[in-house]
């Protein structure tokens, strides 16, 4: 379950970076009051930690991931 949540957060982060790259629009900053707002920084940090956790998915065996769910 935790892996799935981290993967969803990573996808949200990727979509946000896609918006920034293509349209110069930061959705997280727009929703939570700018990129300097404390809540935006917390969300950026949570998404970054989720991305770091998802790196471990690359090195796990498939049967480990199935039994973990």
N, C-alpha and C. Protein backbone atom coordinates (compact mmCIF):
# COMPACT_ATOMS: atom_id res chain seq x y z
N UNK A 1 0.82 -1.19 0.00
CA UNK A 1 0.00 0.00 0.00
C UNK A 1 0.87 1.26 0.00
N UNK A 2 1.93 1.24 0.83
CA UNK A 2 2.82 2.39 0.91
C UNK A 2 3.51 2.64 -0.43
N UNK A 3 3.90 1.55 -1.10
CA UNK A 3 4.53 1.68 -2.42
C UNK A 3 3.59 2.36 -3.41
N UNK A 4 2.33 1.98 -3.35
CA UNK A 4 1.35 2.55 -4.27
C UNK A 4 1.14 4.04 -4.00
N UNK A 5 1.06 4.42 -2.74
CA UNK A 5 0.91 5.84 -2.38
C UNK A 5 2.11 6.64 -2.86
N UNK A 6 3.30 6.10 -2.64
CA UNK A 6 4.51 6.79 -3.09
C UNK A 6 4.55 6.91 -4.61
N UNK A 7 4.10 5.89 -5.30
CA UNK A 7 4.07 5.95 -6.75
C UNK A 7 3.07 7.00 -7.24
N UNK A 8 1.92 7.09 -6.60
CA UNK A 8 0.93 8.10 -6.97
C UNK A 8 1.48 9.50 -6.73
N UNK A 9 2.13 9.71 -5.58
CA UNK A 9 2.72 11.02 -5.30
C UNK A 9 3.82 11.36 -6.30
N UNK A 10 4.60 10.38 -6.70
CA UNK A 10 5.64 10.62 -7.70
C UNK A 10 5.04 10.99 -9.05
N UNK A 11 3.96 10.35 -9.40
CA UNK A 11 3.29 10.69 -10.66
C UNK A 11 2.74 12.11 -10.60
N UNK A 12 2.15 12.48 -9.48
CA UNK A 12 1.66 13.86 -9.31
C UNK A 12 2.81 14.85 -9.47
N UNK A 13 3.95 14.53 -8.85
CA UNK A 13 5.12 15.40 -8.98
C UNK A 13 5.61 15.50 -10.42
N UNK A 14 5.59 14.38 -11.13
CA UNK A 14 6.01 14.39 -12.54
C UNK A 14 5.07 15.23 -13.39
N UNK A 15 3.78 15.10 -13.14
CA UNK A 15 2.81 15.90 -13.89
C UNK A 15 2.99 17.39 -13.60
N UNK A 16 3.27 17.71 -12.34
CA UNK A 16 3.51 19.11 -11.98
C UNK A 16 4.74 19.65 -12.70
N UNK A 17 5.83 18.87 -12.73
CA UNK A 17 7.03 19.31 -13.44
C UNK A 17 6.78 19.42 -14.94
N UNK A 18 5.92 18.56 -15.47
CA UNK A 18 5.56 18.68 -16.88
C UNK A 18 4.83 19.99 -17.16
N UNK A 19 3.94 20.37 -16.25
CA UNK A 19 3.25 21.66 -16.40
C UNK A 19 4.22 22.82 -16.32
N UNK A 20 5.18 22.72 -15.42
CA UNK A 20 6.18 23.78 -15.29
C UNK A 20 7.02 23.87 -16.56
N UNK A 21 7.44 22.73 -17.08
CA UNK A 21 8.28 22.72 -18.27
C UNK A 21 7.56 23.18 -19.53
N UNK A 22 6.32 22.77 -19.68
CA UNK A 22 5.59 23.08 -20.91
C UNK A 22 4.90 24.44 -20.88
N UNK A 23 4.33 24.78 -19.73
CA UNK A 23 3.48 25.97 -19.67
C UNK A 23 3.92 27.00 -18.63
N UNK A 24 5.03 26.74 -17.94
CA UNK A 24 5.51 27.61 -16.86
C UNK A 24 4.42 27.85 -15.82
N UNK A 25 3.70 26.78 -15.47
CA UNK A 25 2.61 26.85 -14.51
C UNK A 25 2.84 25.80 -13.43
N UNK A 26 3.03 26.25 -12.21
CA UNK A 26 3.26 25.36 -11.08
C UNK A 26 1.93 25.15 -10.36
N UNK A 27 1.32 24.00 -10.57
CA UNK A 27 0.00 23.71 -10.02
C UNK A 27 0.03 23.67 -8.49
N UNK A 28 1.05 23.06 -7.91
CA UNK A 28 1.15 22.99 -6.45
C UNK A 28 1.23 24.39 -5.86
N UNK A 29 2.05 25.24 -6.44
CA UNK A 29 2.17 26.62 -5.95
C UNK A 29 0.87 27.38 -6.13
N UNK A 30 0.18 27.14 -7.23
CA UNK A 30 -1.08 27.83 -7.48
C UNK A 30 -2.15 27.42 -6.48
N UNK A 31 -2.19 26.15 -6.12
CA UNK A 31 -3.21 25.67 -5.19
C UNK A 31 -2.90 26.09 -3.75
N UNK A 32 -1.64 26.05 -3.37
CA UNK A 32 -1.28 26.24 -1.97
C UNK A 32 -0.60 27.57 -1.67
N UNK A 33 -0.77 28.57 -2.52
CA UNK A 33 -0.34 29.92 -2.16
C UNK A 33 1.08 30.28 -2.51
N UNK A 34 1.61 29.79 -3.58
CA UNK A 34 2.96 30.15 -4.00
C UNK A 34 3.99 29.14 -3.56
N UNK A 35 5.12 29.15 -4.25
CA UNK A 35 6.15 28.16 -3.95
C UNK A 35 6.89 28.45 -2.66
N UNK A 36 6.74 29.66 -2.12
CA UNK A 36 7.40 29.99 -0.86
C UNK A 36 6.53 29.68 0.36
N UNK A 37 5.26 29.36 0.14
CA UNK A 37 4.37 29.05 1.25
C UNK A 37 4.82 27.76 1.93
N UNK A 38 4.67 27.71 3.23
CA UNK A 38 5.15 26.56 3.99
C UNK A 38 4.44 25.28 3.58
N UNK A 39 3.15 25.35 3.28
CA UNK A 39 2.42 24.14 2.87
C UNK A 39 2.93 23.62 1.53
N UNK A 40 3.26 24.53 0.62
CA UNK A 40 3.82 24.10 -0.67
C UNK A 40 5.16 23.42 -0.46
N UNK A 41 5.97 23.96 0.41
CA UNK A 41 7.28 23.36 0.67
C UNK A 41 7.14 21.99 1.31
N UNK A 42 6.14 21.83 2.18
CA UNK A 42 5.90 20.52 2.79
C UNK A 42 5.47 19.52 1.72
N UNK A 43 4.59 19.94 0.83
CA UNK A 43 4.13 19.04 -0.23
C UNK A 43 5.27 18.68 -1.16
N UNK A 44 6.11 19.66 -1.52
CA UNK A 44 7.28 19.36 -2.36
C UNK A 44 8.18 18.34 -1.67
N UNK A 45 8.37 18.48 -0.37
CA UNK A 45 9.22 17.57 0.39
C UNK A 45 8.62 16.17 0.45
N UNK A 46 7.32 16.07 0.69
CA UNK A 46 6.65 14.76 0.73
C UNK A 46 6.76 14.07 -0.62
N UNK A 47 6.55 14.81 -1.69
CA UNK A 47 6.66 14.22 -3.03
C UNK A 47 8.09 13.80 -3.32
N UNK A 48 9.07 14.58 -2.88
CA UNK A 48 10.48 14.20 -3.06
C UNK A 48 10.81 12.93 -2.29
N UNK A 49 10.32 12.81 -1.06
CA UNK A 49 10.56 11.60 -0.28
C UNK A 49 9.88 10.39 -0.92
N UNK A 50 8.70 10.60 -1.48
CA UNK A 50 8.02 9.51 -2.19
C UNK A 50 8.83 9.07 -3.40
N UNK A 51 9.41 10.03 -4.11
CA UNK A 51 10.24 9.69 -5.26
C UNK A 51 11.48 8.92 -4.86
N UNK A 52 12.07 9.30 -3.75
CA UNK A 52 13.24 8.58 -3.25
C UNK A 52 12.85 7.15 -2.88
N UNK A 53 11.69 6.99 -2.25
CA UNK A 53 11.21 5.66 -1.90
C UNK A 53 11.00 4.81 -3.16
N UNK A 54 10.50 5.43 -4.22
CA UNK A 54 10.22 4.70 -5.47
C UNK A 54 11.50 4.20 -6.13
N UNK A 55 12.63 4.79 -5.81
CA UNK A 55 13.90 4.27 -6.32
C UNK A 55 14.11 2.84 -5.86
N UNK A 56 13.65 2.53 -4.64
CA UNK A 56 13.80 1.16 -4.13
C UNK A 56 13.00 0.16 -4.95
N UNK A 57 11.95 0.61 -5.63
CA UNK A 57 11.17 -0.30 -6.48
C UNK A 57 12.01 -0.87 -7.62
N UNK A 58 13.00 -0.11 -8.06
CA UNK A 58 13.86 -0.57 -9.15
C UNK A 58 14.72 -1.77 -8.76
N UNK A 59 15.03 -1.88 -7.48
CA UNK A 59 15.97 -2.89 -7.02
C UNK A 59 15.31 -4.07 -6.32
N UNK A 60 14.01 -4.07 -6.23
CA UNK A 60 13.30 -5.17 -5.57
C UNK A 60 12.98 -6.27 -6.58
N UNK A 61 12.95 -7.47 -6.07
CA UNK A 61 12.51 -8.60 -6.88
C UNK A 61 10.99 -8.53 -7.02
N UNK A 62 10.49 -9.01 -8.12
CA UNK A 62 9.04 -8.94 -8.39
C UNK A 62 8.24 -9.70 -7.32
N UNK A 63 8.70 -10.87 -6.90
CA UNK A 63 7.94 -11.64 -5.92
C UNK A 63 7.95 -10.95 -4.55
N UNK A 64 8.97 -10.18 -4.23
CA UNK A 64 8.98 -9.41 -2.98
C UNK A 64 7.89 -8.35 -3.02
N UNK A 65 7.72 -7.71 -4.16
CA UNK A 65 6.73 -6.65 -4.28
C UNK A 65 5.32 -7.23 -4.21
N UNK A 66 5.10 -8.41 -4.75
CA UNK A 66 3.77 -9.02 -4.71
C UNK A 66 3.42 -9.41 -3.29
N UNK A 67 4.36 -9.99 -2.54
CA UNK A 67 4.05 -10.39 -1.17
C UNK A 67 3.93 -9.19 -0.25
N UNK A 68 4.55 -8.07 -0.58
CA UNK A 68 4.45 -6.87 0.25
C UNK A 68 3.08 -6.25 0.16
N UNK A 69 2.39 -6.46 -0.94
CA UNK A 69 1.06 -5.88 -1.10
C UNK A 69 0.09 -6.74 -0.37
